Amino acid sequence: MKGFVYLTWFMIGSSLFFFACSSPSTQVAENLSSETELVTKRNWSMNPKCCELKAEFLGVVVLDQICITDSETKLKLHTKDWKRVCVLKEGMVFRDDLGTHYSFLKSDGVDLCPKRTKMKDTSFYLSFESMSNLATSFDLIEDKNAKHAHKPWVFEKVDLMNCQWK
């Protein structure tokens, strides 16, 4: 009889331990919803995901493309008319619609101000920190009060919703 009592207590204890350690059923529902959210986000990788933009500022400066990787956002621009161009490193604002500001990393094909490069129909690139995959638009603004600012660019609310990321 003693063996039967010990066996019964062992089975009850094991059952309580099993139920106490098992995950609640609501946790499974939470996992399913977070997996669904991931599907709606753009996933960046080390290989660039690019989108053609064709945004213009005053019919002169054209924002052609945005390419994003895990490590950077690269913007491709060009001028339609002859223009002396330089990059305002300290006066450049790059932010998304979520309110996140991204730091300037480098420029390619054009110098930092005050040194200006005379160009027309020649691509140049601005690189910033990697943009959030949740962003739906961005602003690229040169501060009109920055030292060396001359006809600063303003690209506001550049839409990313219709992008075909390639």
C-alpha atoms as a PDB file:
ATOM      1  CA  MET A   1       0.000   0.000   0.000  1.00  0.00           C
ATOM      2  CA  LYS A   2       2.897   2.331   0.800  1.00  0.00           C
ATOM      3  CA  GLY A   3       4.249   1.854  -2.744  1.00  0.00           C
ATOM      4  CA  PHE A   4       0.845   2.746  -4.196  1.00  0.00           C
ATOM      5  CA  VAL A   5       0.709   6.010  -2.184  1.00  0.00           C
ATOM      6  CA  TYR A   6       4.230   6.995  -3.276  1.00  0.00           C
ATOM      7  CA  LEU A   7       3.381   6.184  -6.897  1.00  0.00           C
ATOM      8  CA  THR A   8       0.181   8.260  -6.695  1.00  0.00           C
ATOM      9  CA  TRP A   9       2.046  11.259  -5.179  1.00  0.00           C
ATOM     10  CA  PHE A  10       4.759  10.896  -7.799  1.00  0.00           C
ATOM     11  CA  MET A  11       2.193  10.960 -10.640  1.00  0.00           C
ATOM     12  CA  ILE A  12       0.360  13.972  -9.160  1.00  0.00           C
ATOM     13  CA  GLY A  13       3.647  15.834  -8.641  1.00  0.00           C
ATOM     14  CA  SER A  14       4.813  15.013 -12.156  1.00  0.00           C
ATOM     15  CA  SER A  15       1.517  16.242 -13.608  1.00  0.00           C
ATOM     16  CA  LEU A  16       1.683  19.495 -11.659  1.00  0.00           C
ATOM     17  CA  PHE A  17       5.294  20.003 -12.739  1.00  0.00           C
ATOM     18  CA  PHE A  18       4.377  19.365 -16.381  1.00  0.00           C
ATOM     19  CA  PHE A  19       1.468  21.826 -16.358  1.00  0.00           C
ATOM     20  CA  ALA A  20       3.404  24.453 -14.400  1.00  0.00           C
ATOM     21  CA  CYS A  21       6.281  24.363 -16.889  1.00  0.00           C
ATOM     22  CA  SER A  22       4.262  24.295 -20.098  1.00  0.00           C
ATOM     23  CA  SER A  23       3.779  27.534 -22.033  1.00  0.00           C
ATOM     24  CA  PRO A  24       0.399  29.235 -21.865  1.00  0.00           C
ATOM     25  CA  SER A  25      -1.718  28.969 -25.006  1.00  0.00           C
ATOM     26  CA  THR A  26      -1.753  32.761 -25.516  1.00  0.00           C
ATOM     27  CA  GLN A  27       1.985  32.724 -26.135  1.00  0.00           C
ATOM     28  CA  VAL A  28       1.452  30.705 -29.323  1.00  0.00           C
ATOM     29  CA  ALA A  29      -0.923  33.383 -30.636  1.00  0.00           C
ATOM     30  CA  GLU A  30       1.686  36.094 -29.911  1.00  0.00           C
ATOM     31  CA  ASN A  31       4.313  34.204 -31.901  1.00  0.00           C
ATOM     32  CA  LEU A  32       1.988  33.891 -34.890  1.00  0.00           C
ATOM     33  CA  SER A  33       1.253  37.620 -34.948  1.00  0.00           C
ATOM     34  CA  SER A  34       4.953  38.567 -34.787  1.00  0.00           C
ATOM     35  CA  GLU A  35       5.700  36.199 -37.686  1.00  0.00           C
ATOM     36  CA  THR A  36       2.952  37.900 -39.699  1.00  0.00           C
ATOM     37  CA  GLU A  37       4.460  41.337 -38.949  1.00  0.00           C
ATOM     38  CA  LEU A  38       7.861  40.230 -40.257  1.00  0.00           C
ATOM     39  CA  VAL A  39       6.341  39.382 -43.637  1.00  0.00           C
ATOM     40  CA  THR A  40       5.164  42.986 -44.117  1.00  0.00           C
ATOM     41  CA  LYS A  41       8.635  44.495 -43.440  1.00  0.00           C
ATOM     42  CA  ARG A  42      11.344  44.941 -46.076  1.00  0.00           C
ATOM     43  CA  ASN A  43      14.347  42.865 -45.133  1.00  0.00           C
ATOM     44  CA  TRP A  44      17.676  44.447 -46.002  1.00  0.00           C
ATOM     45  CA  SER A  45      20.779  42.365 -46.627  1.00  0.00           C
ATOM     46  CA  MET A  46      24.423  42.958 -47.464  1.00  0.00           C
ATOM     47  CA  ASN A  47      23.369  43.044 -51.157  1.00  0.00           C
ATOM     48  CA  PRO A  48      21.726  46.382 -51.974  1.00  0.00           C
ATOM     49  CA  LYS A  49      17.968  46.605 -52.453  1.00  0.00           C
ATOM     50  CA  CYS A  50      17.379  49.502 -54.843  1.00  0.00           C
ATOM     51  CA  CYS A  51      14.413  51.590 -55.940  1.00  0.00           C
ATOM     52  CA  GLU A  52      14.212  54.066 -58.834  1.00  0.00           C
ATOM     53  CA  LEU A  53      12.914  57.461 -57.645  1.00  0.00           C
ATOM     54  CA  LYS A  54      13.207  60.285 -60.232  1.00  0.00           C
ATOM     55  CA  ALA A  55      12.484  63.093 -57.742  1.00  0.00           C
ATOM     56  CA  GLU A  56      13.576  66.573 -58.878  1.00  0.00           C
ATOM     57  CA  PHE A  57      14.483  69.784 -57.104  1.00  0.00           C
ATOM     58  CA  LEU A  58      13.883  72.977 -59.138  1.00  0.00           C
ATOM     59  CA  GLY A  59      14.293  70.968 -62.355  1.00  0.00           C
ATOM     60  CA  VAL A  60      18.056  70.857 -61.824  1.00  0.00           C
ATOM     61  CA  VAL A  61      19.024  68.291 -59.164  1.00  0.00           C
ATOM     62  CA  VAL A  62      17.577  64.813 -59.679  1.00  0.00           C
ATOM     63  CA  LEU A  63      17.349  62.110 -57.013  1.00  0.00           C
ATOM     64  CA  ASP A  64      17.516  58.984 -59.190  1.00  0.00           C
ATOM     65  CA  GLN A  65      17.737  56.035 -56.844  1.00  0.00           C
ATOM     66  CA  ILE A  66      17.907  54.792 -53.277  1.00  0.00           C
ATOM     67  CA  CYS A  67      19.812  51.597 -52.427  1.00  0.00           C
ATOM     68  CA  ILE A  68      19.744  50.143 -48.922  1.00  0.00           C
ATOM     69  CA  THR A  69      21.810  47.431 -47.255  1.00  0.00           C
ATOM     70  CA  ASP A  70      22.210  46.358 -43.638  1.00  0.00           C
ATOM     71  CA  SER A  71      25.069  48.839 -43.290  1.00  0.00           C
ATOM     72  CA  GLU A  72      24.128  51.900 -45.394  1.00  0.00           C
ATOM     73  CA  THR A  73      21.645  53.849 -47.470  1.00  0.00           C
ATOM     74  CA  LYS A  74      23.089  55.119 -50.739  1.00  0.00           C
ATOM     75  CA  LEU A  75      21.369  57.857 -52.749  1.00  0.00           C
ATOM     76  CA  LYS A  76      22.192  58.389 -56.432  1.00  0.00           C
ATOM     77  CA  LEU A  77      21.773  61.941 -57.767  1.00  0.00           C
ATOM     78  CA  HIS A  78      22.727  63.993 -60.821  1.00  0.00           C
ATOM     79  CA  THR A  79      22.248  67.524 -62.172  1.00  0.00           C
ATOM     80  CA  LYS A  80      20.402  68.224 -65.426  1.00  0.00           C
ATOM     81  CA  ASP A  81      22.149  71.555 -66.021  1.00  0.00           C
ATOM     82  CA  TRP A  82      25.722  72.669 -65.448  1.00  0.00           C
ATOM     83  CA  LYS A  83      26.060  73.280 -61.727  1.00  0.00           C
ATOM     84  CA  ARG A  84      28.905  73.629 -59.273  1.00  0.00           C
ATOM     85  CA  VAL A  85      28.132  70.959 -56.683  1.00  0.00           C
ATOM     86  CA  CYS A  86      29.473  70.157 -53.232  1.00  0.00           C
ATOM     87  CA  VAL A  87      28.114  68.220 -50.272  1.00  0.00           C
ATOM     88  CA  LEU A  88      27.256  70.026 -47.041  1.00  0.00           C
ATOM     89  CA  LYS A  89      28.430  67.332 -44.648  1.00  0.00           C
ATOM     90  CA  GLU A  90      27.350  69.202 -41.504  1.00  0.00           C
ATOM     91  CA  GLY A  91      24.275  70.749 -43.103  1.00  0.00           C
ATOM     92  CA  MET A  92      22.692  67.608 -44.564  1.00  0.00           C
ATOM     93  CA  VAL A  93      19.508  66.167 -43.060  1.00  0.00           C
ATOM     94  CA  PHE A  94      18.430  62.659 -43.999  1.00  0.00           C
ATOM     95  CA  ARG A  95      15.418  61.411 -42.033  1.00  0.00           C
ATOM     96  CA  ASP A  96      12.548  59.001 -42.495  1.00  0.00           C
ATOM     97  CA  ASP A  97       8.837  59.436 -41.830  1.00  0.00           C
ATOM     98  CA  LEU A  98       9.291  57.701 -38.461  1.00  0.00           C
ATOM     99  CA  GLY A  99      11.364  60.700 -37.304  1.00  0.00           C
ATOM    100  CA  THR A 100      14.702  58.883 -37.349  1.00  0.00           C
ATOM    101  CA  HIS A 101      17.705  60.953 -38.484  1.00  0.00           C
ATOM    102  CA  TYR A 102      20.553  59.103 -40.212  1.00  0.00           C
ATOM    103  CA  SER A 103      24.175  60.210 -40.082  1.00  0.00           C
ATOM    104  CA  PHE A 104      26.086  61.136 -43.212  1.00  0.00           C
ATOM    105  CA  LEU A 105      28.828  58.603 -43.992  1.00  0.00           C
ATOM    106  CA  LYS A 106      30.468  59.663 -47.277  1.00  0.00           C
ATOM    107  CA  SER A 107      30.048  61.032 -50.780  1.00  0.00           C
ATOM    108  CA  ASP A 108      31.299  59.582 -54.069  1.00  0.00           C
ATOM    109  CA  GLY A 109      31.725  61.517 -57.305  1.00  0.00           C
ATOM    110  CA  VAL A 110      31.493  64.936 -55.636  1.00  0.00           C
ATOM    111  CA  ASP A 111      33.579  66.729 -53.027  1.00  0.00           C
ATOM    112  CA  LEU A 112      32.650  68.036 -49.607  1.00  0.00           C
ATOM    113  CA  CYS A 113      32.105  71.789 -49.369  1.00  0.00           C
ATOM    114  CA  PRO A 114      33.703  74.227 -49.850  1.00  0.00           C
ATOM    115  CA  LYS A 115      35.374  72.484 -52.825  1.00  0.00           C
ATOM    116  CA  ARG A 116      32.852  72.417 -55.681  1.00  0.00           C
ATOM    117  CA  THR A 117      32.751  70.170 -58.742  1.00  0.00           C
ATOM    118  CA  LYS A 118      31.277  71.507 -61.987  1.00  0.00           C
ATOM    119  CA  MET A 119      29.034  68.795 -63.411  1.00  0.00           C
ATOM    120  CA  LYS A 120      26.072  67.994 -65.642  1.00  0.00           C
ATOM    121  CA  ASP A 121      24.454  64.572 -66.226  1.00  0.00           C
ATOM    122  CA  THR A 122      27.120  62.936 -64.059  1.00  0.00           C
ATOM    123  CA  SER A 123      25.972  60.705 -61.211  1.00  0.00           C
ATOM    124  CA  PHE A 124      27.188  61.231 -57.677  1.00  0.00           C
ATOM    125  CA  TYR A 125      26.319  59.402 -54.475  1.00  0.00           C
ATOM    126  CA  LEU A 126      25.561  60.246 -50.858  1.00  0.00           C
ATOM    127  CA  SER A 127      25.798  57.508 -48.224  1.00  0.00           C
ATOM    128  CA  PHE A 128      24.084  57.507 -44.839  1.00  0.00           C
ATOM    129  CA  GLU A 129      23.446  54.984 -42.088  1.00  0.00           C
ATOM    130  CA  SER A 130      21.046  52.197 -43.059  1.00  0.00           C
ATOM    131  CA  MET A 131      17.424  53.319 -43.122  1.00  0.00           C
ATOM    132  CA  SER A 132      14.742  51.445 -41.192  1.00  0.00           C
ATOM    133  CA  ASN A 133      12.860  48.801 -43.128  1.00  0.00           C
ATOM    134  CA  LEU A 134       9.626  50.275 -41.708  1.00  0.00           C
ATOM    135  CA  ALA A 135      10.095  53.705 -43.333  1.00  0.00           C
ATOM    136  CA  THR A 136       7.589  54.651 -46.041  1.00  0.00           C
ATOM    137  CA  SER A 137       9.159  57.978 -47.072  1.00  0.00           C
ATOM    138  CA  PHE A 138      12.176  60.171 -46.388  1.00  0.00           C
ATOM    139  CA  ASP A 139      13.476  63.728 -46.555  1.00  0.00           C
ATOM    140  CA  LEU A 140      16.874  64.800 -47.908  1.00  0.00           C
ATOM    141  CA  ILE A 141      17.457  68.437 -47.013  1.00  0.00           C
ATOM    142  CA  GLU A 142      20.492  70.692 -47.174  1.00  0.00           C
ATOM    143  CA  ASP A 143      20.330  73.339 -44.462  1.00  0.00           C
ATOM    144  CA  LYS A 144      19.949  76.753 -46.111  1.00  0.00           C
ATOM    145  CA  ASN A 145      21.785  78.341 -43.163  1.00  0.00           C
ATOM    146  CA  ALA A 146      24.779  75.997 -43.340  1.00  0.00           C
ATOM    147  CA  LYS A 147      28.191  77.425 -44.159  1.00  0.00           C
ATOM    148  CA  HIS A 148      28.819  77.177 -47.946  1.00  0.00           C
ATOM    149  CA  ALA A 149      25.108  76.616 -48.717  1.00  0.00           C
ATOM    150  CA  HIS A 150      24.220  77.868 -52.186  1.00  0.00           C
ATOM    151  CA  LYS A 151      20.774  76.927 -53.528  1.00  0.00           C
ATOM    152  CA  PRO A 152      20.439  73.973 -51.107  1.00  0.00           C
ATOM    153  CA  TRP A 153      18.440  70.915 -52.160  1.00  0.00           C
ATOM    154  CA  VAL A 154      15.159  70.004 -50.543  1.00  0.00           C
ATOM    155  CA  PHE A 155      13.573  66.629 -51.239  1.00  0.00           C
ATOM    156  CA  GLU A 156      10.640  66.138 -48.868  1.00  0.00           C
ATOM    157  CA  LYS A 157       8.398  63.121 -48.352  1.00  0.00           C
ATOM    158  CA  VAL A 158      10.044  61.060 -51.096  1.00  0.00           C
ATOM    159  CA  ASP A 159       7.642  58.112 -51.316  1.00  0.00           C
ATOM    160  CA  LEU A 160       8.937  54.552 -50.908  1.00  0.00           C
ATOM    161  CA  MET A 161       5.531  52.838 -50.881  1.00  0.00           C
ATOM    162  CA  ASN A 162       5.492  52.110 -54.630  1.00  0.00           C
ATOM    163  CA  CYS A 163       9.078  50.893 -54.780  1.00  0.00           C
ATOM    164  CA  GLN A 164       9.857  47.676 -56.584  1.00  0.00           C
ATOM    165  CA  TRP A 165      12.936  46.737 -54.545  1.00  0.00           C
ATOM    166  CA  LYS A 166      15.479  45.010 -56.803  1.00  0.00           C
END
